[in-house]
């Protein structure tokens, strides 16, 4: 365990951030799974709503430091291809 006060604080902050980032990643993965199951159907409105929600979550995750910019862009690109092919 750290002896310096700032190091102790940093440990607590890192634990909180890692928990919240785990929560964010879980939400994104759940959204992607929902989108992929919807893409097998024919309801374009629902598919587009789900895609916009996942895209929004991924864009926010870039600014929060959960995913790197290129990783999120790659995921969005792959999902948009699947959405377009579903229609």
C-alpha atoms as a PDB file:
ATOM      1  CA  UNK A   1       0.000   0.000   0.000  1.00  0.00           C
ATOM      2  CA  UNK A   2       1.158   3.515  -0.735  1.00  0.00           C
ATOM      3  CA  UNK A   3       2.412   5.784   2.037  1.00  0.00           C
ATOM      4  CA  UNK A   4       1.959   9.137   0.313  1.00  0.00           C
ATOM      5  CA  UNK A   5      -1.473  10.740   0.529  1.00  0.00           C
ATOM      6  CA  UNK A   6      -1.635  11.583  -3.189  1.00  0.00           C
ATOM      7  CA  UNK A   7      -0.712   8.007  -4.108  1.00  0.00           C
ATOM      8  CA  UNK A   8      -3.496   6.677  -1.876  1.00  0.00           C
ATOM      9  CA  UNK A   9      -5.936   9.078  -3.515  1.00  0.00           C
ATOM     10  CA  UNK A  10      -4.767   7.982  -6.973  1.00  0.00           C
ATOM     11  CA  UNK A  11      -5.403   4.323  -6.082  1.00  0.00           C
ATOM     12  CA  UNK A  12      -8.970   5.124  -5.011  1.00  0.00           C
ATOM     13  CA  UNK A  13      -9.573   7.198  -8.147  1.00  0.00           C
ATOM     14  CA  UNK A  14      -8.278   4.414 -10.401  1.00  0.00           C
ATOM     15  CA  UNK A  15     -10.561   1.876  -8.743  1.00  0.00           C
ATOM     16  CA  UNK A  16     -13.598   4.119  -9.224  1.00  0.00           C
ATOM     17  CA  UNK A  17     -12.699   4.834 -12.840  1.00  0.00           C
ATOM     18  CA  UNK A  18     -12.087   1.193 -13.698  1.00  0.00           C
ATOM     19  CA  UNK A  19     -15.471   0.225 -12.211  1.00  0.00           C
ATOM     20  CA  UNK A  20     -17.259   2.925 -14.179  1.00  0.00           C
ATOM     21  CA  UNK A  21     -15.385   2.058 -17.379  1.00  0.00           C
ATOM     22  CA  UNK A  22     -16.396  -1.582 -16.904  1.00  0.00           C
ATOM     23  CA  UNK A  23     -20.016  -0.407 -16.625  1.00  0.00           C
ATOM     24  CA  UNK A  24     -19.679   1.668 -19.806  1.00  0.00           C
ATOM     25  CA  UNK A  25     -18.110  -1.204 -21.771  1.00  0.00           C
ATOM     26  CA  UNK A  26     -20.889  -3.502 -20.610  1.00  0.00           C
ATOM     27  CA  UNK A  27     -23.566  -1.059 -21.803  1.00  0.00           C
ATOM     28  CA  UNK A  28     -21.887  -0.778 -25.190  1.00  0.00           C
ATOM     29  CA  UNK A  29     -21.547  -4.546 -25.584  1.00  0.00           C
ATOM     30  CA  UNK A  30     -25.191  -5.035 -24.622  1.00  0.00           C
ATOM     31  CA  UNK A  31     -26.232  -2.410 -27.152  1.00  0.00           C
ATOM     32  CA  UNK A  32     -24.181  -4.080 -29.873  1.00  0.00           C
ATOM     33  CA  UNK A  33     -25.718  -7.474 -29.106  1.00  0.00           C
ATOM     34  CA  UNK A  34     -29.207  -5.972 -29.223  1.00  0.00           C
ATOM     35  CA  UNK A  35     -28.428  -4.281 -32.538  1.00  0.00           C
ATOM     36  CA  UNK A  36     -27.090  -7.492 -34.067  1.00  0.00           C
ATOM     37  CA  UNK A  37     -30.173  -9.458 -33.019  1.00  0.00           C
ATOM     38  CA  UNK A  38     -32.431  -6.738 -34.416  1.00  0.00           C
ATOM     39  CA  UNK A  39     -30.502  -6.660 -37.701  1.00  0.00           C
ATOM     40  CA  UNK A  40     -31.749 -10.167 -38.505  1.00  0.00           C
ATOM     41  CA  UNK A  41     -35.310  -8.800 -38.575  1.00  0.00           C
ATOM     42  CA  UNK A  42     -36.995  -6.474 -41.045  1.00  0.00           C
ATOM     43  CA  UNK A  43     -37.935  -3.524 -38.812  1.00  0.00           C
ATOM     44  CA  UNK A  44     -35.644  -0.763 -40.131  1.00  0.00           C
ATOM     45  CA  UNK A  45     -36.908   1.860 -37.683  1.00  0.00           C
ATOM     46  CA  UNK A  46     -35.916  -0.205 -34.651  1.00  0.00           C
ATOM     47  CA  UNK A  47     -32.574  -1.109 -36.221  1.00  0.00           C
ATOM     48  CA  UNK A  48     -31.778   2.556 -36.896  1.00  0.00           C
ATOM     49  CA  UNK A  49     -32.781   3.585 -33.365  1.00  0.00           C
ATOM     50  CA  UNK A  50     -30.548   0.906 -31.865  1.00  0.00           C
ATOM     51  CA  UNK A  51     -27.661   1.891 -34.139  1.00  0.00           C
ATOM     52  CA  UNK A  52     -27.926   5.566 -33.199  1.00  0.00           C
ATOM     53  CA  UNK A  53     -27.921   4.653 -29.514  1.00  0.00           C
ATOM     54  CA  UNK A  54     -24.827   2.447 -29.846  1.00  0.00           C
ATOM     55  CA  UNK A  55     -23.075   5.051 -31.982  1.00  0.00           C
ATOM     56  CA  UNK A  56     -23.790   7.680 -29.344  1.00  0.00           C
ATOM     57  CA  UNK A  57     -22.456   5.460 -26.563  1.00  0.00           C
ATOM     58  CA  UNK A  58     -19.292   4.769 -28.538  1.00  0.00           C
ATOM     59  CA  UNK A  59     -18.752   8.464 -29.291  1.00  0.00           C
ATOM     60  CA  UNK A  60     -19.105   9.312 -25.614  1.00  0.00           C
ATOM     61  CA  UNK A  61     -16.748   6.504 -24.667  1.00  0.00           C
ATOM     62  CA  UNK A  62     -14.023   8.153 -26.761  1.00  0.00           C
ATOM     63  CA  UNK A  63     -14.252  11.399 -24.819  1.00  0.00           C
ATOM     64  CA  UNK A  64     -14.342   9.534 -21.500  1.00  0.00           C
ATOM     65  CA  UNK A  65     -11.267   7.475 -22.371  1.00  0.00           C
ATOM     66  CA  UNK A  66     -12.958   4.077 -22.351  1.00  0.00           C
ATOM     67  CA  UNK A  67     -12.092   3.296 -25.973  1.00  0.00           C
ATOM     68  CA  UNK A  68      -9.476   4.828 -28.222  1.00  0.00           C
ATOM     69  CA  UNK A  69     -10.683   6.854 -31.184  1.00  0.00           C
ATOM     70  CA  UNK A  70      -9.732   4.332 -33.862  1.00  0.00           C
ATOM     71  CA  UNK A  71     -11.214   1.414 -31.950  1.00  0.00           C
ATOM     72  CA  UNK A  72     -14.579   3.112 -31.580  1.00  0.00           C
ATOM     73  CA  UNK A  73     -14.493   4.264 -35.210  1.00  0.00           C
ATOM     74  CA  UNK A  74     -13.791   0.723 -36.355  1.00  0.00           C
ATOM     75  CA  UNK A  75     -16.693  -0.633 -34.306  1.00  0.00           C
ATOM     76  CA  UNK A  76     -19.061   2.036 -35.651  1.00  0.00           C
ATOM     77  CA  UNK A  77     -17.956   1.318 -39.208  1.00  0.00           C
ATOM     78  CA  UNK A  78     -18.516  -2.423 -38.882  1.00  0.00           C
ATOM     79  CA  UNK A  79     -21.909  -1.929 -37.274  1.00  0.00           C
ATOM     80  CA  UNK A  80     -23.019   0.530 -39.952  1.00  0.00           C
ATOM     81  CA  UNK A  81     -22.118  -2.010 -42.645  1.00  0.00           C
ATOM     82  CA  UNK A  82     -24.303  -4.603 -40.920  1.00  0.00           C
ATOM     83  CA  UNK A  83     -27.158  -2.112 -40.553  1.00  0.00           C
ATOM     84  CA  UNK A  84     -26.977  -1.184 -44.243  1.00  0.00           C
ATOM     85  CA  UNK A  85     -26.878  -4.811 -45.347  1.00  0.00           C
ATOM     86  CA  UNK A  86     -29.886  -5.596 -43.122  1.00  0.00           C
ATOM     87  CA  UNK A  87     -32.016  -3.067 -44.994  1.00  0.00           C
END
